[in-house]
């Protein structure tokens, strides 16, 4: 692995900050100063930054409370992205967003460097349950609830949705659980039963629930039990 990539992975620093430390002579390899960013780190090499030994700690996993007005993308020419909410010290070049939300949808977003973990969350084959809280334009009728719970064919699709979990919380409020991730699925499902989603908030993905202590725009690392419980 290149030395600059090794340092970025082991410290969480951006590649530009890593290069700054290299130029400043802050990095040693096997106790000898080194400034070559492209030097290949071999198994058994000892890399230190300002005297502190750097070891690779594996993948990173974060939960973020997404506010409205941000897109779930690594880059966007029109809107700020959820990665813009992360501290500048975090290297975003290899981050993946697991389970994207629309611009106006709020709530739980998971971010990781682990592609296999991301696949387990998002692959239709694994049927990971996502739970949403919805505000509706009209009260949900009993007939519409039955249709959602049975599965319905959305416009442009060839197969009906999988049965949804529906919990009515109020006259125009409900909690909806789905195990798929079709494009704009929740909004399309409610439109298909003659209603309209006024606001949409994701509360949970699998066993990972949005931390109630996180304000919109805040994030934290996932706990080991959250990571392995998927």
C-alpha atoms as a PDB file:
ATOM      1  CA  UNK A   1       0.000   0.000   0.000  1.00  0.00           C
ATOM      2  CA  UNK A   2       1.241   3.522  -0.785  1.00  0.00           C
ATOM      3  CA  UNK A   3       2.496   5.410   2.243  1.00  0.00           C
ATOM      4  CA  UNK A   4       0.034   8.298   1.837  1.00  0.00           C
ATOM      5  CA  UNK A   5      -2.905   5.888   1.545  1.00  0.00           C
ATOM      6  CA  UNK A   6      -1.665   3.930   4.573  1.00  0.00           C
ATOM      7  CA  UNK A   7      -1.478   7.094   6.668  1.00  0.00           C
ATOM      8  CA  UNK A   8      -4.921   8.263   5.549  1.00  0.00           C
ATOM      9  CA  UNK A   9      -6.455   4.874   6.367  1.00  0.00           C
ATOM     10  CA  UNK A  10      -4.694   4.624   9.720  1.00  0.00           C
ATOM     11  CA  UNK A  11      -5.418   8.153  10.942  1.00  0.00           C
ATOM     12  CA  UNK A  12      -8.642   9.231   9.219  1.00  0.00           C
ATOM     13  CA  UNK A  13      -6.841  12.311   7.875  1.00  0.00           C
ATOM     14  CA  UNK A  14      -7.516  13.585   4.383  1.00  0.00           C
ATOM     15  CA  UNK A  15      -4.895  12.854   1.743  1.00  0.00           C
ATOM     16  CA  UNK A  16      -3.963  16.570   1.565  1.00  0.00           C
ATOM     17  CA  UNK A  17      -3.227  16.696   5.311  1.00  0.00           C
ATOM     18  CA  UNK A  18      -1.184  13.507   5.025  1.00  0.00           C
ATOM     19  CA  UNK A  19       0.924  15.098   2.278  1.00  0.00           C
ATOM     20  CA  UNK A  20       1.415  18.169   4.459  1.00  0.00           C
ATOM     21  CA  UNK A  21       2.773  16.001   7.271  1.00  0.00           C
ATOM     22  CA  UNK A  22       5.061  14.186   4.828  1.00  0.00           C
ATOM     23  CA  UNK A  23       6.483  17.443   3.493  1.00  0.00           C
ATOM     24  CA  UNK A  24       7.016  18.700   7.046  1.00  0.00           C
ATOM     25  CA  UNK A  25       9.067  15.625   7.940  1.00  0.00           C
ATOM     26  CA  UNK A  26       6.541  14.393  10.522  1.00  0.00           C
ATOM     27  CA  UNK A  27       6.551  10.823   9.189  1.00  0.00           C
ATOM     28  CA  UNK A  28       9.076   8.059   9.830  1.00  0.00           C
ATOM     29  CA  UNK A  29       9.309   4.590   8.323  1.00  0.00           C
ATOM     30  CA  UNK A  30      11.171   2.074  10.465  1.00  0.00           C
ATOM     31  CA  UNK A  31      12.368   5.060  12.547  1.00  0.00           C
ATOM     32  CA  UNK A  32      13.848   6.844   9.510  1.00  0.00           C
ATOM     33  CA  UNK A  33      12.347  10.111   8.137  1.00  0.00           C
ATOM     34  CA  UNK A  34      10.529   9.702   4.839  1.00  0.00           C
ATOM     35  CA  UNK A  35       8.760  12.184   2.561  1.00  0.00           C
ATOM     36  CA  UNK A  36       7.920   9.981  -0.438  1.00  0.00           C
ATOM     37  CA  UNK A  37       4.110   9.702  -0.562  1.00  0.00           C
ATOM     38  CA  UNK A  38       4.274   6.874  -3.092  1.00  0.00           C
ATOM     39  CA  UNK A  39       6.632   4.670  -1.077  1.00  0.00           C
ATOM     40  CA  UNK A  40       5.145   1.179  -0.700  1.00  0.00           C
ATOM     41  CA  UNK A  41       4.613   0.098   2.894  1.00  0.00           C
ATOM     42  CA  UNK A  42       5.572  -3.568   3.307  1.00  0.00           C
ATOM     43  CA  UNK A  43       4.291  -6.056   5.871  1.00  0.00           C
ATOM     44  CA  UNK A  44       6.200  -5.480   9.102  1.00  0.00           C
ATOM     45  CA  UNK A  45       7.117  -1.852   8.359  1.00  0.00           C
ATOM     46  CA  UNK A  46       6.694   0.556  11.260  1.00  0.00           C
ATOM     47  CA  UNK A  47       5.078   3.857  10.247  1.00  0.00           C
ATOM     48  CA  UNK A  48       4.913   6.710  12.737  1.00  0.00           C
ATOM     49  CA  UNK A  49       3.422  10.202  12.610  1.00  0.00           C
ATOM     50  CA  UNK A  50       5.042  12.673  15.007  1.00  0.00           C
ATOM     51  CA  UNK A  51       6.385   9.766  17.015  1.00  0.00           C
ATOM     52  CA  UNK A  52       3.047   7.919  17.250  1.00  0.00           C
ATOM     53  CA  UNK A  53       2.932   4.468  15.680  1.00  0.00           C
ATOM     54  CA  UNK A  54       0.162   4.227  13.064  1.00  0.00           C
ATOM     55  CA  UNK A  55      -1.677   0.955  12.594  1.00  0.00           C
ATOM     56  CA  UNK A  56      -4.497   0.185  10.218  1.00  0.00           C
ATOM     57  CA  UNK A  57      -7.664  -0.195  12.250  1.00  0.00           C
ATOM     58  CA  UNK A  58      -9.973  -1.594   9.578  1.00  0.00           C
ATOM     59  CA  UNK A  59     -13.101  -0.071   8.116  1.00  0.00           C
ATOM     60  CA  UNK A  60     -15.053   2.936   9.347  1.00  0.00           C
ATOM     61  CA  UNK A  61     -18.795   2.983  10.069  1.00  0.00           C
ATOM     62  CA  UNK A  62     -20.866   6.073  10.907  1.00  0.00           C
ATOM     63  CA  UNK A  63     -24.522   6.994  11.416  1.00  0.00           C
ATOM     64  CA  UNK A  64     -25.627  10.483  10.437  1.00  0.00           C
ATOM     65  CA  UNK A  65     -28.860  12.383  11.080  1.00  0.00           C
ATOM     66  CA  UNK A  66     -29.583  13.775   7.622  1.00  0.00           C
ATOM     67  CA  UNK A  67     -31.298  17.172   7.443  1.00  0.00           C
ATOM     68  CA  UNK A  68     -33.481  18.214   4.534  1.00  0.00           C
ATOM     69  CA  UNK A  69     -31.677  19.963   1.694  1.00  0.00           C
ATOM     70  CA  UNK A  70     -28.728  17.548   1.466  1.00  0.00           C
ATOM     71  CA  UNK A  71     -28.261  14.860  -1.164  1.00  0.00           C
ATOM     72  CA  UNK A  72     -26.882  11.378  -0.537  1.00  0.00           C
ATOM     73  CA  UNK A  73     -24.032  11.544  -3.012  1.00  0.00           C
ATOM     74  CA  UNK A  74     -20.260  11.866  -2.886  1.00  0.00           C
ATOM     75  CA  UNK A  75     -20.438  14.993  -5.057  1.00  0.00           C
ATOM     76  CA  UNK A  76     -23.180  17.187  -6.460  1.00  0.00           C
ATOM     77  CA  UNK A  77     -23.024  20.355  -8.548  1.00  0.00           C
ATOM     78  CA  UNK A  78     -26.312  21.763  -7.240  1.00  0.00           C
ATOM     79  CA  UNK A  79     -26.802  20.744  -3.594  1.00  0.00           C
ATOM     80  CA  UNK A  80     -24.590  20.086  -0.559  1.00  0.00           C
ATOM     81  CA  UNK A  81     -24.013  16.405   0.155  1.00  0.00           C
ATOM     82  CA  UNK A  82     -24.192  14.471   3.421  1.00  0.00           C
ATOM     83  CA  UNK A  83     -20.407  14.036   3.219  1.00  0.00           C
ATOM     84  CA  UNK A  84     -20.069  17.824   3.526  1.00  0.00           C
ATOM     85  CA  UNK A  85     -21.368  17.428   7.089  1.00  0.00           C
ATOM     86  CA  UNK A  86     -18.377  15.302   8.132  1.00  0.00           C
ATOM     87  CA  UNK A  87     -15.309  16.810   9.774  1.00  0.00           C
ATOM     88  CA  UNK A  88     -12.635  17.948   7.332  1.00  0.00           C
ATOM     89  CA  UNK A  89     -10.175  15.514   8.927  1.00  0.00           C
ATOM     90  CA  UNK A  90     -12.153  12.523   7.633  1.00  0.00           C
ATOM     91  CA  UNK A  91     -10.960  11.298   4.249  1.00  0.00           C
ATOM     92  CA  UNK A  92     -14.137  11.060   2.141  1.00  0.00           C
ATOM     93  CA  UNK A  93     -12.485   9.661  -0.992  1.00  0.00           C
ATOM     94  CA  UNK A  94     -13.435   6.036  -0.246  1.00  0.00           C
ATOM     95  CA  UNK A  95     -16.688   6.514   1.676  1.00  0.00           C
ATOM     96  CA  UNK A  96     -19.897   4.783   0.581  1.00  0.00           C
ATOM     97  CA  UNK A  97     -23.420   5.864   1.518  1.00  0.00           C
ATOM     98  CA  UNK A  98     -25.476   2.817   2.483  1.00  0.00           C
ATOM     99  CA  UNK A  99     -29.138   3.435   1.719  1.00  0.00           C
ATOM    100  CA  UNK A 100     -29.720   6.838   0.151  1.00  0.00           C
ATOM    101  CA  UNK A 101     -32.462   9.327   0.984  1.00  0.00           C
ATOM    102  CA  UNK A 102     -34.151  11.954  -1.189  1.00  0.00           C
ATOM    103  CA  UNK A 103     -33.233  15.634  -0.925  1.00  0.00           C
ATOM    104  CA  UNK A 104     -36.234  16.467   1.270  1.00  0.00           C
ATOM    105  CA  UNK A 105     -36.187  13.256   3.343  1.00  0.00           C
ATOM    106  CA  UNK A 106     -34.589  13.354   6.791  1.00  0.00           C
ATOM    107  CA  UNK A 107     -33.265  10.778   9.219  1.00  0.00           C
ATOM    108  CA  UNK A 108     -30.823   7.894   9.408  1.00  0.00           C
ATOM    109  CA  UNK A 109     -28.035   7.611   6.850  1.00  0.00           C
ATOM    110  CA  UNK A 110     -25.221   5.068   7.208  1.00  0.00           C
ATOM    111  CA  UNK A 111     -21.759   5.790   5.836  1.00  0.00           C
ATOM    112  CA  UNK A 112     -18.936   3.275   5.575  1.00  0.00           C
ATOM    113  CA  UNK A 113     -15.672   2.317   3.912  1.00  0.00           C
ATOM    114  CA  UNK A 114     -16.744  -1.359   3.928  1.00  0.00           C
ATOM    115  CA  UNK A 115     -18.215  -2.318   0.565  1.00  0.00           C
ATOM    116  CA  UNK A 116     -19.280  -5.809   1.660  1.00  0.00           C
ATOM    117  CA  UNK A 117     -21.167  -4.406   4.658  1.00  0.00           C
ATOM    118  CA  UNK A 118     -22.832  -1.830   2.416  1.00  0.00           C
ATOM    119  CA  UNK A 119     -23.911  -4.628   0.056  1.00  0.00           C
ATOM    120  CA  UNK A 120     -25.482  -6.598   2.905  1.00  0.00           C
ATOM    121  CA  UNK A 121     -27.526  -3.526   3.831  1.00  0.00           C
ATOM    122  CA  UNK A 122     -28.684  -2.556   0.378  1.00  0.00           C
ATOM    123  CA  UNK A 123     -28.891  -5.750  -1.681  1.00  0.00           C
ATOM    124  CA  UNK A 124     -32.517  -6.820  -2.330  1.00  0.00           C
ATOM    125  CA  UNK A 125     -31.396 -10.405  -1.671  1.00  0.00           C
ATOM    126  CA  UNK A 126     -30.810  -9.630   2.020  1.00  0.00           C
ATOM    127  CA  UNK A 127     -34.214  -7.902   2.573  1.00  0.00           C
ATOM    128  CA  UNK A 128     -32.946  -5.511   5.261  1.00  0.00           C
ATOM    129  CA  UNK A 129     -35.916  -3.752   6.871  1.00  0.00           C
ATOM    130  CA  UNK A 130     -36.021   0.058   6.715  1.00  0.00           C
ATOM    131  CA  UNK A 131     -38.456   1.894   9.005  1.00  0.00           C
ATOM    132  CA  UNK A 132     -39.896   5.332   8.175  1.00  0.00           C
ATOM    133  CA  UNK A 133     -42.166   7.836   9.905  1.00  0.00           C
ATOM    134  CA  UNK A 134     -44.571   9.584   7.505  1.00  0.00           C
ATOM    135  CA  UNK A 135     -46.837  12.604   7.596  1.00  0.00           C
ATOM    136  CA  UNK A 136     -49.644  12.269   5.016  1.00  0.00           C
ATOM    137  CA  UNK A 137     -51.840  14.741   3.194  1.00  0.00           C
ATOM    138  CA  UNK A 138     -54.944  12.648   3.923  1.00  0.00           C
ATOM    139  CA  UNK A 139     -55.880  10.037   6.549  1.00  0.00           C
ATOM    140  CA  UNK A 140     -54.916   6.514   5.538  1.00  0.00           C
ATOM    141  CA  UNK A 141     -57.991   4.455   4.746  1.00  0.00           C
ATOM    142  CA  UNK A 142     -58.368   0.862   5.911  1.00  0.00           C
ATOM    143  CA  UNK A 143     -58.404  -0.235   2.292  1.00  0.00           C
ATOM    144  CA  UNK A 144     -55.150   1.602   1.550  1.00  0.00           C
ATOM    145  CA  UNK A 145     -53.501   0.087   4.626  1.00  0.00           C
ATOM    146  CA  UNK A 146     -54.515  -3.403   3.504  1.00  0.00           C
ATOM    147  CA  UNK A 147     -53.098  -2.758   0.030  1.00  0.00           C
ATOM    148  CA  UNK A 148     -49.752  -1.588   1.448  1.00  0.00           C
ATOM    149  CA  UNK A 149     -49.566  -4.615   3.728  1.00  0.00           C
ATOM    150  CA  UNK A 150     -50.381  -6.991   0.896  1.00  0.00           C
ATOM    151  CA  UNK A 151     -48.013  -5.472  -1.672  1.00  0.00           C
ATOM    152  CA  UNK A 152     -48.894  -3.466  -4.757  1.00  0.00           C
ATOM    153  CA  UNK A 153     -47.663  -2.942  -8.284  1.00  0.00           C
ATOM    154  CA  UNK A 154     -46.039   0.460  -8.779  1.00  0.00           C
ATOM    155  CA  UNK A 155     -46.119   2.301 -12.078  1.00  0.00           C
ATOM    156  CA  UNK A 156     -43.261   1.215 -14.305  1.00  0.00           C
ATOM    157  CA  UNK A 157     -42.550  -1.937 -12.296  1.00  0.00           C
ATOM    158  CA  UNK A 158     -43.098  -5.550 -13.332  1.00  0.00           C
ATOM    159  CA  UNK A 159     -43.315  -7.076  -9.847  1.00  0.00           C
ATOM    160  CA  UNK A 160     -45.401  -5.929  -6.872  1.00  0.00           C
ATOM    161  CA  UNK A 161     -43.723  -4.569  -3.764  1.00  0.00           C
ATOM    162  CA  UNK A 162     -43.085  -6.896  -0.870  1.00  0.00           C
ATOM    163  CA  UNK A 163     -45.630  -6.630   1.974  1.00  0.00           C
ATOM    164  CA  UNK A 164     -45.045  -3.542   4.107  1.00  0.00           C
ATOM    165  CA  UNK A 165     -45.373  -3.185   7.863  1.00  0.00           C
ATOM    166  CA  UNK A 166     -47.892  -0.426   8.648  1.00  0.00           C
ATOM    167  CA  UNK A 167     -48.498   1.153  12.052  1.00  0.00           C
ATOM    168  CA  UNK A 168     -51.014   4.011  12.189  1.00  0.00           C
ATOM    169  CA  UNK A 169     -49.782   6.618  14.688  1.00  0.00           C
ATOM    170  CA  UNK A 170     -52.352   9.339  14.124  1.00  0.00           C
ATOM    171  CA  UNK A 171     -54.959  10.582  11.687  1.00  0.00           C
ATOM    172  CA  UNK A 172     -52.305  11.579   9.131  1.00  0.00           C
ATOM    173  CA  UNK A 173     -49.222   9.915  10.602  1.00  0.00           C
ATOM    174  CA  UNK A 174     -47.899   6.392  10.259  1.00  0.00           C
ATOM    175  CA  UNK A 175     -44.811   4.237  10.571  1.00  0.00           C
ATOM    176  CA  UNK A 176     -43.938   2.153   7.524  1.00  0.00           C
ATOM    177  CA  UNK A 177     -41.454  -0.698   7.286  1.00  0.00           C
ATOM    178  CA  UNK A 178     -40.205  -1.934   3.910  1.00  0.00           C
ATOM    179  CA  UNK A 179     -37.513  -4.435   2.968  1.00  0.00           C
ATOM    180  CA  UNK A 180     -36.770  -3.068  -0.508  1.00  0.00           C
ATOM    181  CA  UNK A 181     -35.191   0.072  -1.870  1.00  0.00           C
ATOM    182  CA  UNK A 182     -36.917   0.942  -5.125  1.00  0.00           C
ATOM    183  CA  UNK A 183     -36.567   4.477  -6.472  1.00  0.00           C
ATOM    184  CA  UNK A 184     -38.729   6.868  -4.365  1.00  0.00           C
ATOM    185  CA  UNK A 185     -40.507   3.740  -3.147  1.00  0.00           C
ATOM    186  CA  UNK A 186     -42.327   5.062  -0.075  1.00  0.00           C
ATOM    187  CA  UNK A 187     -43.665   8.133  -1.879  1.00  0.00           C
ATOM    188  CA  UNK A 188     -44.717   6.046  -4.880  1.00  0.00           C
ATOM    189  CA  UNK A 189     -46.481   3.501  -2.662  1.00  0.00           C
ATOM    190  CA  UNK A 190     -48.579   6.156  -0.953  1.00  0.00           C
ATOM    191  CA  UNK A 191     -49.330   7.855  -4.258  1.00  0.00           C
ATOM    192  CA  UNK A 192     -50.493   4.498  -5.627  1.00  0.00           C
ATOM    193  CA  UNK A 193     -53.141   4.251  -2.883  1.00  0.00           C
ATOM    194  CA  UNK A 194     -54.367   7.812  -3.524  1.00  0.00           C
ATOM    195  CA  UNK A 195     -52.427   9.678  -0.837  1.00  0.00           C
ATOM    196  CA  UNK A 196     -49.419  12.000  -0.702  1.00  0.00           C
ATOM    197  CA  UNK A 197     -46.364  12.019   1.580  1.00  0.00           C
ATOM    198  CA  UNK A 198     -45.940  15.460   3.166  1.00  0.00           C
ATOM    199  CA  UNK A 199     -42.803  14.569   5.151  1.00  0.00           C
ATOM    200  CA  UNK A 200     -40.643  11.468   5.370  1.00  0.00           C
ATOM    201  CA  UNK A 201     -38.148  10.531   8.092  1.00  0.00           C
ATOM    202  CA  UNK A 202     -36.113   7.310   8.311  1.00  0.00           C
ATOM    203  CA  UNK A 203     -35.880   5.962  11.848  1.00  0.00           C
ATOM    204  CA  UNK A 204     -33.992   2.689  11.409  1.00  0.00           C
ATOM    205  CA  UNK A 205     -32.144   0.357   9.041  1.00  0.00           C
ATOM    206  CA  UNK A 206     -32.130  -3.222  10.260  1.00  0.00           C
ATOM    207  CA  UNK A 207     -31.196  -3.205  13.940  1.00  0.00           C
ATOM    208  CA  UNK A 208     -29.592   0.250  13.725  1.00  0.00           C
ATOM    209  CA  UNK A 209     -31.857   2.994  15.047  1.00  0.00           C
ATOM    210  CA  UNK A 210     -31.165   6.677  14.644  1.00  0.00           C
ATOM    211  CA  UNK A 211     -29.577   7.928  17.869  1.00  0.00           C
ATOM    212  CA  UNK A 212     -32.069  10.291  19.516  1.00  0.00           C
ATOM    213  CA  UNK A 213     -29.190  12.406  20.844  1.00  0.00           C
ATOM    214  CA  UNK A 214     -28.034  13.332  17.317  1.00  0.00           C
ATOM    215  CA  UNK A 215     -29.389  16.656  16.072  1.00  0.00           C
ATOM    216  CA  UNK A 216     -29.875  17.093  12.309  1.00  0.00           C
ATOM    217  CA  UNK A 217     -26.431  17.289  10.723  1.00  0.00           C
ATOM    218  CA  UNK A 218     -24.666  15.438  13.539  1.00  0.00           C
ATOM    219  CA  UNK A 219     -23.083  11.981  13.304  1.00  0.00           C
ATOM    220  CA  UNK A 220     -21.244   9.368  15.367  1.00  0.00           C
ATOM    221  CA  UNK A 221     -19.342   6.121  14.925  1.00  0.00           C
ATOM    222  CA  UNK A 222     -21.391   2.935  15.072  1.00  0.00           C
ATOM    223  CA  UNK A 223     -20.925   0.618  18.023  1.00  0.00           C
ATOM    224  CA  UNK A 224     -19.499  -2.894  17.437  1.00  0.00           C
ATOM    225  CA  UNK A 225     -22.928  -4.447  18.131  1.00  0.00           C
ATOM    226  CA  UNK A 226     -24.587  -2.158  15.566  1.00  0.00           C
ATOM    227  CA  UNK A 227     -21.979  -3.090  12.947  1.00  0.00           C
ATOM    228  CA  UNK A 228     -22.172  -6.855  13.477  1.00  0.00           C
ATOM    229  CA  UNK A 229     -25.942  -6.986  13.989  1.00  0.00           C
ATOM    230  CA  UNK A 230     -26.778  -6.355  10.337  1.00  0.00           C
END
